[in-house]
Protein backbone atom coordinates (compact mmCIF):
# COMPACT_ATOMS: atom_id res chain seq x y z
CA MET A 1 42.36 81.65 21.21
CA ASP A 2 45.89 80.30 20.60
CA ILE A 3 47.33 83.75 21.28
CA VAL A 4 45.50 83.98 24.62
CA GLN A 5 46.75 80.56 25.69
CA LEU A 6 50.29 81.50 24.68
CA CYS A 7 50.14 84.71 26.77
CA LEU A 8 48.84 82.80 29.78
CA LEU A 9 51.63 80.28 29.38
CA LEU A 10 54.26 83.04 29.27
CA LEU A 11 52.76 84.72 32.36
CA CYS A 12 52.86 81.44 34.28
CA ALA A 13 56.49 80.85 33.30
CA LEU A 14 57.43 84.41 34.36
CA HIS A 15 55.64 83.94 37.70
CA LEU A 16 57.48 80.68 38.39
CA THR A 17 60.83 82.28 37.51
CA LEU A 18 60.29 85.28 39.82
CA THR A 19 59.12 82.99 42.62
CA ALA A 20 62.28 80.87 42.30
CA VAL A 21 64.53 83.96 42.41
CA VAL A 22 62.82 85.39 45.49
CA THR A 23 62.87 82.00 47.23
CA LYS A 24 66.57 81.62 46.46
CA GLN A 25 67.32 85.04 47.97
CA ILE A 26 65.27 84.24 51.09
CA ASP A 27 66.96 80.86 51.46
CA HIS A 28 70.38 82.50 51.11
CA ARG A 29 69.45 85.07 53.74
CA ASN A 30 68.15 82.34 56.03
CA LEU A 31 71.31 80.31 55.46
CA PHE A 32 73.43 83.28 56.51
CA THR A 33 71.22 83.77 59.57
CA GLN A 34 71.71 80.13 60.47
CA ARG A 35 75.49 80.42 60.08
CA VAL A 36 75.68 83.47 62.34
CA CYS A 37 76.97 82.00 65.56
CA CYS A 38 78.64 83.61 68.55
CA LYS A 39 77.96 81.57 71.63
CA ARG A 40 79.43 80.72 74.98
CA GLN A 41 81.29 77.43 75.17
CA SER A 42 82.29 75.62 78.35
CA HIS A 43 85.94 75.98 79.28
CA PHE A 44 87.02 74.49 82.60
CA VAL A 45 90.14 75.82 84.32
CA TYR A 46 91.84 74.26 87.35
CA ILE A 47 92.41 76.97 89.97
CA GLY A 48 93.70 74.98 92.96
CA GLN A 49 92.48 73.01 95.96
CA ASP A 50 89.71 73.90 98.39
CA ILE A 51 90.07 73.81 102.19
CA SER A 52 89.32 70.06 102.18
CA GLY A 53 92.13 69.37 99.71
CA SER A 54 89.83 68.54 96.79
CA PRO A 55 90.71 69.94 93.34
CA VAL A 56 88.60 72.87 92.15
CA SER A 57 87.84 73.53 88.49
CA VAL A 58 85.67 76.42 87.31
CA ASP A 59 83.84 76.74 84.01
CA VAL A 60 85.09 80.21 83.08
CA GLY A 61 83.67 79.86 79.58
CA MET A 62 84.91 81.10 76.23
CA CYS A 63 83.28 82.84 73.26
CA ARG A 64 83.28 80.61 70.20
CA PRO A 65 83.16 82.54 66.92
CA TYR A 66 81.76 79.69 64.82
CA CYS A 67 79.58 76.63 65.29
CA GLY A 68 79.78 73.06 64.12
CA GLY A 69 83.02 71.49 63.06
CA ALA A 70 84.39 68.03 62.72
CA SER A 71 84.27 65.61 65.61
CA ARG A 72 87.40 65.15 67.67
CA PRO A 73 89.58 62.13 66.84
CA SER A 74 90.19 59.44 69.40
CA HIS A 75 93.22 59.48 71.70
CA GLU A 76 94.85 56.59 69.80
CA ALA A 77 94.30 58.29 66.44
CA GLY A 78 95.80 61.49 67.78
CA GLN A 79 98.90 59.64 69.02
CA GLN A 80 99.37 57.98 65.63
CA GLU A 81 99.00 61.31 63.82
CA TYR A 82 101.47 63.03 66.18
CA SER A 83 104.06 60.26 65.71
CA LYS A 84 104.28 61.11 62.00
CA HIS A 85 105.80 64.53 62.79
CA SER A 86 109.22 65.45 64.09
CA SER A 87 108.03 67.97 66.69
CA MET A 88 104.93 69.34 68.38
CA LEU A 89 105.25 72.56 66.34
CA GLU A 90 105.13 70.63 63.05
CA PHE A 91 102.18 68.64 64.38
CA LEU A 92 100.25 71.83 65.20
CA ARG A 93 101.08 73.34 61.81
CA SER A 94 99.69 70.24 60.11
CA LYS A 95 96.38 70.52 61.95
CA LYS A 96 93.48 71.76 59.87
CA ILE A 97 92.72 75.41 60.57
CA PRO A 98 88.99 76.28 60.69
CA ASP A 99 87.68 77.70 57.43
CA PRO A 100 88.07 81.52 57.52
CA GLN A 101 84.71 81.83 55.71
CA ASP A 102 83.01 80.16 58.67
CA GLN A 103 84.53 82.68 61.04
CA LEU A 104 83.64 85.62 58.78
CA ALA A 105 80.06 84.37 58.46
CA SER A 106 79.77 84.10 62.22
CA CYS A 107 79.93 87.80 63.03
CA GLY A 108 80.89 89.46 59.77
CA LEU A 109 84.14 90.83 58.42
CA ASN A 110 84.33 93.85 60.76
CA HIS A 111 83.01 92.12 63.88
CA MET A 112 84.32 89.65 66.44
CA CYS A 113 82.81 87.31 69.01
CA GLU A 114 83.29 88.88 72.45
CA PRO A 115 81.87 88.48 75.99
CA THR A 116 78.84 90.68 76.64
CA GLY A 117 78.46 89.88 80.31
CA MET A 118 80.80 88.54 82.98
CA ARG A 119 80.52 87.82 86.66
CA VAL A 120 83.18 87.68 89.35
CA ASP A 121 83.00 84.58 91.54
CA ARG A 122 84.86 84.32 94.83
CA VAL A 123 86.19 80.83 95.48
CA LEU A 124 87.64 79.84 98.86
CA LEU A 125 90.86 77.89 98.25
CA PHE A 126 93.34 76.37 100.66
CA GLU A 127 95.70 79.31 100.01
CA GLY A 128 92.89 81.80 100.58
CA PRO A 129 90.01 83.40 98.65
CA ARG A 130 90.45 83.96 94.92
CA GLU A 131 88.42 85.93 92.39
CA VAL A 132 87.58 84.23 89.09
CA GLU A 133 86.01 86.02 86.10
CA VAL A 134 83.36 83.89 84.38
CA ILE A 135 81.90 84.62 80.94
CA GLU A 136 78.08 84.52 81.01
CA GLU A 137 77.09 85.53 77.46
CA CYS A 138 78.72 86.36 74.11
CA HIS A 139 77.75 88.52 71.17
CA CYS A 140 79.12 89.92 67.91
CA GLU A 141 80.89 93.23 68.47
CA ILE A 142 82.36 95.61 65.91
CA LYS A 143 86.15 95.74 65.61
CA LEU A 144 87.50 99.13 66.64
CA THR A 145 90.47 100.66 64.84
CA GLN A 146 91.02 103.40 67.44
CA CYS A 147 92.27 103.11 70.99
CA VAL A 148 89.29 103.97 73.18
CA ARG A 149 87.81 102.99 76.49
CA VAL A 150 85.04 100.40 76.07
CA PRO A 151 82.37 99.28 78.56
CA ALA A 152 83.01 96.08 80.51
CA LEU A 153 80.20 95.00 82.82
CA ARG A 154 81.07 92.81 85.81
CA THR A 155 78.55 91.28 88.23
CA TYR A 156 79.79 90.97 91.82
CA TYR A 157 78.18 88.77 94.50
CA SER A 158 75.85 87.17 91.97
CA GLU A 159 72.62 85.61 93.27
CA THR A 160 72.98 87.26 96.69
CA PRO A 161 71.27 90.30 98.27
CA TYR A 162 74.49 92.22 97.56
CA GLU A 163 74.52 91.56 93.80
CA THR A 164 75.99 94.60 92.03
CA VAL A 165 76.77 95.30 88.37
CA ILE A 166 79.69 97.67 87.72
CA ASP A 167 81.15 98.96 84.46
CA VAL A 168 84.83 98.37 85.25
CA GLY A 169 85.81 99.43 81.74
CA GLY A 170 88.47 98.15 79.40
CA CYS A 171 90.52 99.11 76.36
CA SER A 172 89.74 98.28 72.75
CA ARG A 173 91.89 95.76 70.94
CA SER A 174 92.62 98.06 68.01
CA LYS A 175 94.11 96.33 64.96
CA GLY A 176 95.70 99.48 63.61
CA SER A 177 98.15 99.91 66.46
CA PRO A 178 101.81 100.55 65.56
CA GLU A 179 104.18 97.63 66.01
CA GLY A 180 105.11 97.24 69.66
CA PHE A 181 102.24 99.43 70.90
CA SER A 182 99.05 98.35 72.62
CA CYS A 183 95.86 100.02 73.78
CA VAL A 184 96.28 100.04 77.55
CA PRO A 185 94.57 101.74 80.54
CA THR A 186 96.18 104.98 81.69
CA GLU A 187 93.60 106.52 84.03
CA PHE A 188 91.69 104.78 86.79
CA ASP A 189 88.87 105.36 89.24
CA SER A 190 87.21 103.27 91.93
CA ALA A 191 83.73 102.00 92.79
CA LEU A 192 82.37 100.73 96.09
CA VAL A 193 80.54 97.43 96.54
CA GLU A 194 78.71 96.68 99.77
CA THR A 195 79.36 93.22 101.26
CA PRO A 196 78.18 91.42 104.42
CA ASN A 197 81.53 92.12 106.11
CA LYS A 198 82.88 95.34 104.65
CA VAL A 199 82.97 97.57 101.59
CA ASP A 200 85.06 96.35 98.66
CA VAL A 201 86.88 98.86 96.46
CA ILE A 202 86.80 97.92 92.76
CA GLN A 203 89.29 99.58 90.40
CA THR A 204 87.79 100.84 87.14
CA VAL A 205 89.33 102.08 83.89
CA THR A 206 88.44 105.61 82.76
CA ALA A 207 90.86 106.26 79.86
CA CYS A 208 93.10 104.34 77.44
CA GLU A 209 96.06 105.27 75.25
CA LEU A 210 98.45 103.63 72.82
CA LYS A 211 101.56 102.72 74.78
CA GLN A 212 104.46 100.33 74.57
CA SER A 213 104.28 97.14 76.61
CA CYS A 214 106.09 98.80 79.54
CA TYR A 215 104.73 102.27 80.25
CA ARG A 216 104.32 104.99 82.88
CA VAL A 217 100.96 106.04 84.31
CA PRO A 218 100.19 109.02 86.59
CA TYR A 219 99.98 108.41 90.33
CA VAL A 220 99.36 111.53 92.42
CA GLU A 221 100.40 111.93 96.06
CA TYR A 222 99.78 114.89 98.38
CA TYR A 223 102.12 116.33 101.03
CA TYR A 224 101.98 119.22 103.47
CA GLN A 225 104.52 121.89 102.54
CA THR A 226 105.65 124.79 104.73
CA VAL A 227 106.60 128.01 102.92
CA HIS A 228 108.47 130.85 104.69
CA HIS A 229 107.84 134.29 103.18
CA GLU A 230 110.26 137.25 103.32
CA ASP A 231 108.03 139.13 105.78
CA GLY A 232 108.39 136.24 108.24
CA VAL A 233 104.95 134.79 107.66
CA LYS A 234 104.85 130.99 107.59
CA GLU A 235 102.29 129.43 105.24
CA GLU A 236 101.21 125.80 105.03
CA ARG A 237 100.24 124.51 101.60
CA LEU A 238 99.17 121.23 100.07
CA LYS A 239 101.75 120.06 97.54
CA GLU A 240 100.69 117.72 94.73
CA ILE A 241 103.34 115.43 93.18
CA ASP A 242 102.77 113.00 90.33
CA VAL A 243 105.17 110.26 91.43
CA GLY A 244 104.07 107.90 88.64
CA ARG A 245 103.89 104.13 88.40
CA CYS A 246 105.23 101.54 85.91
CA LEU A 247 102.67 99.20 84.39
CA GLY A 248 102.65 96.56 81.68
CA GLY A 249 104.61 93.44 80.92
CA CYS A 250 107.89 92.70 79.23
CA SER A 251 108.92 89.98 76.81
CA THR A 252 112.01 89.44 74.68
CA GLY A 253 111.40 89.28 70.94
CA ASN A 254 108.30 87.86 69.29
CA ARG A 255 106.79 85.10 71.46
CA CYS A 256 104.39 83.85 68.76
CA LEU A 257 105.47 80.50 67.29
CA LEU A 258 102.43 79.75 65.12
CA ARG A 259 100.18 82.37 63.52
CA SER A 260 96.84 81.93 61.79
CA PRO A 261 97.12 81.77 57.97
CA SER A 262 93.84 83.70 57.62
CA ASP A 263 94.67 86.43 60.17
CA PRO A 264 98.35 87.07 61.07
CA GLN A 265 97.20 89.01 64.14
CA ILE A 266 95.95 85.74 65.70
CA CYS A 267 98.57 83.56 67.40
CA HIS A 268 97.80 79.87 67.98
CA LEU A 269 100.95 78.99 69.92
CA TRP A 270 102.96 81.21 72.29
CA ALA A 271 106.45 80.68 73.65
CA GLU A 272 106.93 80.73 77.41
CA ARG A 273 107.18 84.26 78.77
CA GLN A 274 110.50 85.20 80.29
CA SER A 275 110.61 86.75 83.75
CA ASN A 276 111.31 90.35 82.83
CA SER A 277 109.91 93.25 84.81
CA CYS A 278 108.79 96.79 84.01
CA VAL A 279 110.86 99.10 86.22
CA PRO A 280 111.54 102.86 86.50
CA GLN A 281 114.20 104.22 84.15
CA GLY A 282 114.21 107.99 84.65
CA TYR A 283 113.26 110.02 87.69
CA GLU A 284 113.29 113.53 89.11
CA SER A 285 113.39 114.82 92.67
CA HIS A 286 111.02 117.21 94.46
CA SER A 287 112.32 118.89 97.63
CA PHE A 288 110.27 120.95 100.08
CA HIS A 289 109.93 121.79 103.77
CA ASN A 290 107.45 119.65 105.69
CA GLN A 291 105.28 120.66 108.66
CA HIS A 292 108.23 120.31 111.05
CA GLY A 293 110.49 122.55 108.98
CA MET A 294 112.62 119.62 107.77
CA VAL A 295 113.59 119.25 104.12
CA ARG A 296 111.87 116.28 102.51
CA THR A 297 112.70 114.86 99.09
CA VAL A 298 110.27 112.79 97.02
CA LEU A 299 111.33 111.01 93.82
CA SER A 300 108.95 110.70 90.89
CA ILE A 301 109.16 108.35 87.91
CA THR A 302 109.54 109.97 84.49
CA SER A 303 109.98 106.86 82.30
CA CYS A 304 109.91 103.06 82.50
CA VAL A 305 111.90 100.28 80.86
CA CYS A 306 111.96 96.48 80.71
CA GLN A 307 114.65 94.87 82.80
CA GLU A 308 115.59 91.21 83.20
């Protein structure tokens, strides 16, 4: 009888131990699920004045990669804390950076919190109509290491009979890009959106490549060309010339003043951008006879460079 009681006691203890282990694993899994957070946060931006002269601010939104956090200090406390530092840069460096583990738990190590849906609002300002992109929803998206074209849905004329959703496309923010190179759009297309007054043409991205900040993209133009053959026959052809365009921006040196300790790719404070422009550097000429028999010369861009 004592042996039977001892066996029952051991079975009960084993059952309680297994139950505790399983419960701990479920609680850990539930805790991770609770910490997963990629949500839209309000972010108001001043865009100008309306036709009555009143200021206009739009909640364009932002995707927050983690939830919770400490409450913001009061204005007086912030002034006292800032006065202890010699400069604004030192003050920002002293600020507590969010725990990297919180950000990793939000979407995972190989994911990031990105917009999943955006709409384009048209706001009538005193200077004229202006388009504003507003984030509607956010989700966790995998980080891409290659430069590829990614979908980018935009809703035009939201909540109207002309509401239209178009994949305008975009380029991945690949982390493995060489220094000084970015994943940028190189080929474009267009889509038509019907409106009450006319048809709007929306530019879309069809291809992306790794390029420097200032780069050349194809831009094809067509001309009528007259060709005179040796037998005296005159032939009219359609001549295609890729004249090219310069795209991108230019900046001198590294504009990042404060990088994230957890991820050096993230910059918390940028220096003011200098007014440099991306302009043609090399070119070539294309000469031909037009429909009137006159020689016409068209220049095409072969390379681009940053110029102050």
